[in-house]
Protein backbone atom coordinates (compact mmCIF):
# COMPACT_ATOMS: atom_id res chain seq x y z
CA MET A 1 122.11 -41.16 95.73
CA LYS A 2 122.32 -44.53 93.79
CA GLN A 3 118.87 -44.52 92.22
CA VAL A 4 116.04 -42.19 91.58
CA LYS A 5 113.00 -41.94 94.08
CA PHE A 6 110.36 -41.91 91.44
CA VAL A 7 108.90 -45.28 90.01
CA GLN A 8 106.62 -42.83 87.46
CA MET A 9 108.66 -40.49 85.38
CA LYS A 10 106.17 -37.63 86.14
CA ASP A 11 106.76 -37.84 89.87
CA GLY A 12 110.60 -37.20 89.39
CA ASP A 13 111.93 -34.19 90.75
CA LYS A 14 114.94 -31.85 90.28
CA GLU A 15 117.27 -33.96 92.12
CA ASP A 16 116.04 -37.05 90.30
CA TYR A 17 116.58 -35.87 86.94
CA GLU A 18 120.01 -34.30 87.69
CA PHE A 19 121.37 -37.51 88.76
CA LEU A 20 119.76 -39.44 85.95
CA ILE A 21 121.34 -36.84 83.53
CA LYS A 22 124.70 -36.97 85.16
CA HIS A 23 124.46 -41.05 85.12
CA GLU A 24 123.78 -41.10 81.79
CA VAL A 25 126.52 -38.99 80.26
CA GLU A 26 129.17 -41.06 82.38
CA HIS A 27 127.26 -44.16 80.59
CA THR A 28 127.96 -42.74 77.11
CA LYS A 29 131.56 -42.75 77.24
CA GLY A 30 131.46 -46.12 77.02
CA THR A 31 129.67 -46.23 73.74
CA ALA A 32 132.96 -46.72 71.40
CA ASP A 33 133.72 -49.90 73.50
CA ARG A 34 130.27 -51.26 73.37
CA LEU A 35 130.04 -50.88 69.51
CA ILE A 36 133.64 -52.60 69.10
CA LYS A 37 132.43 -55.48 71.08
CA ALA A 38 129.00 -55.34 68.79
CA LEU A 39 131.09 -55.54 65.77
CA VAL A 40 133.36 -58.39 67.19
CA GLU A 41 129.92 -60.23 67.52
CA LEU A 42 129.20 -60.03 63.86
CA ASP A 43 131.78 -62.78 63.53
CA GLU A 44 128.61 -65.11 65.13
CA GLY A 45 126.04 -64.04 62.87
CA LEU A 46 124.70 -65.92 59.73
CA SER A 47 127.07 -65.73 56.89
CA GLY A 48 127.38 -67.84 53.67
CA TYR A 49 129.81 -65.48 51.98
CA LYS A 50 133.49 -66.63 51.80
CA ILE A 51 134.36 -64.22 54.85
CA THR A 52 132.36 -63.36 58.07
CA ARG A 53 130.55 -60.14 58.60
CA LEU A 54 133.17 -58.81 60.91
CA GLY A 55 135.59 -59.59 58.25
CA HIS A 56 133.67 -57.82 55.34
CA SER A 57 133.18 -54.60 57.97
CA LEU A 58 137.07 -54.80 58.58
CA GLN A 59 137.84 -55.08 54.99
CA SER A 60 135.43 -52.35 53.86
CA ALA A 61 136.93 -50.13 56.34
CA THR A 62 140.47 -50.97 55.17
CA ARG A 63 139.76 -50.34 51.39
CA ALA A 64 138.41 -46.80 52.70
CA TRP A 65 141.66 -46.43 54.57
CA HIS A 66 143.78 -47.36 51.83
CA ASP A 67 141.88 -44.78 49.58
CA GLY A 68 142.75 -41.74 51.80
CA ALA A 69 139.26 -41.48 53.09
CA ASP A 70 138.82 -39.11 56.35
CA ILE A 71 137.83 -40.93 59.90
CA ASP A 72 134.27 -40.11 59.03
CA TRP A 73 134.27 -42.44 56.06
CA ILE A 74 136.28 -44.85 57.56
CA VAL A 75 134.29 -45.68 61.10
CA SER A 76 131.12 -45.03 58.79
CA ALA A 77 132.36 -48.16 56.47
CA LEU A 78 133.58 -49.96 59.42
CA LEU A 79 130.41 -49.90 61.27
CA HIS A 80 127.92 -49.84 58.21
CA ASP A 81 126.55 -53.57 58.90
CA ILE A 82 126.73 -53.26 62.60
CA GLY A 83 122.99 -53.71 62.24
CA ASP A 84 122.81 -57.06 60.91
CA ILE A 85 122.41 -59.12 64.24
CA TYR A 86 119.58 -56.77 65.72
CA ALA A 87 117.91 -55.51 62.73
CA PRO A 88 118.57 -57.59 59.90
CA TYR A 89 115.43 -55.99 57.64
CA ASN A 90 116.60 -52.69 58.38
CA HIS A 91 120.08 -53.06 59.20
CA ASP A 92 121.12 -49.85 57.01
CA GLU A 93 119.01 -47.41 59.05
CA TYR A 94 119.98 -49.28 62.46
CA ALA A 95 123.54 -48.25 61.99
CA ALA A 96 123.07 -44.81 60.48
CA SER A 97 120.98 -43.77 63.79
CA ILE A 98 124.29 -44.83 65.78
CA LEU A 99 126.69 -42.86 63.65
CA ARG A 100 124.39 -39.88 62.85
CA PRO A 101 125.25 -37.71 65.97
CA PHE A 102 128.71 -37.90 65.54
CA VAL A 103 129.80 -38.02 61.70
CA ARG A 104 129.05 -35.74 59.03
CA GLU A 105 125.57 -35.95 57.50
CA GLN A 106 127.03 -37.15 54.12
CA CYS A 107 128.19 -40.36 56.01
CA SER A 108 125.10 -41.08 58.01
CA TRP A 109 122.95 -40.63 54.92
CA VAL A 110 125.29 -42.89 52.76
CA VAL A 111 125.11 -45.79 55.68
CA GLU A 112 121.18 -45.26 55.65
CA LYS A 113 120.82 -45.78 52.18
CA HIS A 114 123.50 -48.35 51.17
CA GLY A 115 121.00 -50.96 51.25
CA ILE A 116 118.74 -49.84 48.67
CA PHE A 117 121.65 -48.67 46.52
CA GLN A 118 123.30 -52.33 46.56
CA MET A 119 120.08 -53.74 44.78
CA ILE A 120 121.86 -52.66 41.73
CA TYR A 121 124.02 -55.76 41.80
CA TYR A 122 121.39 -58.38 42.86
CA GLY A 123 117.97 -57.16 42.69
CA GLU A 124 116.99 -58.84 39.65
CA HIS A 125 118.30 -62.04 41.24
CA VAL A 126 115.90 -61.66 44.08
CA GLY A 127 112.83 -60.23 42.55
CA SER A 128 113.39 -56.80 43.45
CA ASN A 129 113.73 -53.51 41.46
CA PRO A 130 117.44 -53.27 40.96
CA HIS A 131 117.04 -49.45 40.00
CA LYS A 132 115.52 -48.55 43.49
CA ARG A 133 118.12 -46.13 44.29
CA ASP A 134 117.07 -44.03 41.14
CA LYS A 135 114.45 -42.02 43.53
CA TYR A 136 117.45 -40.24 45.11
CA ILE A 137 118.99 -39.57 42.07
CA GLU A 138 118.71 -35.63 42.82
CA ASN A 139 120.30 -36.12 46.29
CA ILE A 140 123.37 -34.42 46.88
CA TYR A 141 124.92 -37.48 48.21
CA PHE A 142 123.59 -40.02 45.77
CA LYS A 143 127.29 -40.23 43.96
CA ASP A 144 128.81 -40.92 47.20
CA CYS A 145 126.28 -43.93 48.28
CA SER A 146 126.92 -45.08 44.86
CA ASP A 147 130.80 -45.19 45.03
CA PHE A 148 130.88 -45.99 48.73
CA CYS A 149 128.86 -49.43 47.46
CA GLU A 150 131.13 -50.08 44.63
CA PHE A 151 134.37 -49.20 45.92
CA TRP A 152 134.23 -50.42 49.54
CA ASP A 153 131.25 -52.48 50.39
CA GLN A 154 130.23 -54.99 47.33
CA LYS A 155 133.90 -55.46 46.91
CA SER A 156 134.98 -56.72 50.26
CA PHE A 157 133.90 -60.21 50.62
CA ASP A 158 137.86 -61.36 49.60
CA PRO A 159 139.26 -63.75 51.69
CA ASP A 160 142.84 -62.81 50.30
CA TYR A 161 142.32 -59.13 50.72
CA ASP A 162 145.06 -57.74 53.22
CA THR A 163 142.72 -56.49 55.59
CA LYS A 164 143.80 -54.41 58.97
CA PRO A 165 142.76 -56.01 62.11
CA ILE A 166 140.07 -54.39 64.46
CA GLY A 167 142.71 -53.11 67.00
CA PHE A 168 143.61 -50.83 63.97
CA PHE A 169 140.39 -48.77 64.06
CA ILE A 170 139.67 -49.01 67.60
CA PRO A 171 141.45 -45.69 68.17
CA LEU A 172 139.47 -44.09 65.32
CA VAL A 173 136.21 -45.50 66.70
CA ARG A 174 137.11 -44.16 70.20
CA GLU A 175 137.84 -40.68 68.69
CA VAL A 176 134.61 -40.35 66.69
CA PHE A 177 132.32 -41.54 69.45
CA SER A 178 133.90 -39.15 71.86
CA ARG A 179 132.52 -36.16 70.10
CA LYS A 180 129.87 -34.04 71.52
CA PRO A 181 127.02 -35.49 69.83
CA TYR A 182 125.21 -33.18 66.96
CA ASP A 183 128.04 -30.78 67.14
CA SER A 184 127.84 -28.71 63.70
CA ILE A 185 131.48 -28.91 63.44
CA PHE A 186 131.37 -32.38 62.51
CA ILE A 187 127.87 -33.00 61.33
CA ARG A 188 128.17 -30.19 58.38
CA PRO A 189 124.73 -30.68 56.53
CA ASN A 190 125.09 -30.55 52.91
CA GLU A 191 128.87 -30.41 52.60
CA ARG A 192 130.77 -33.42 51.34
CA GLU A 193 134.35 -34.88 51.67
CA PRO A 194 135.98 -37.41 48.96
CA LEU A 195 135.94 -40.87 49.68
CA ILE A 196 139.10 -41.51 47.70
CA THR A 197 141.95 -39.28 47.64
CA ASN A 198 144.70 -41.57 47.59
CA THR A 199 144.38 -42.45 43.62
CA SER A 200 147.49 -44.74 43.78
CA THR A 201 145.73 -47.84 45.26
CA GLY A 202 143.39 -48.03 42.32
């Protein structure tokens, strides 16, 4: 069987859907490599910064790595702007939706909200409320998102920073996206892990 028999989903039978599930599960095994390809394509995106969007992503992840962050934080930092090309108006939500089945809730929430939290740096210059993030002040992950933006995201536009190459992070991406989706072992709702454990990096 190479294709289903139906042309309308409601006409599919058990054989059709068992075939599709097997086919789709096999396809998901390539998710990590497709994300890495999309990450590389950020180099082709619009940028007026001193480094490319790929460079920014790699630098953010490198800073996380230097700070002793765990794998969930590092991969989240690497992919936090993956939506810049395809979802420029909600790139943070786009990235979070990709990460959510595979990383700690803490990390996917931070990625989802980082666009709002970053308004603190430039909102006043573009006619937006720089304190829009304050509506989340009571959220358990508020400080995590604030720190994510301060220590890894907003400062990662430095062409002189010693940034790790993409190959350094590929095994980490593959490890995270090989996890069973939505496994409570990894999602861990309402749990927090520190962003910074290696205080010697400053």
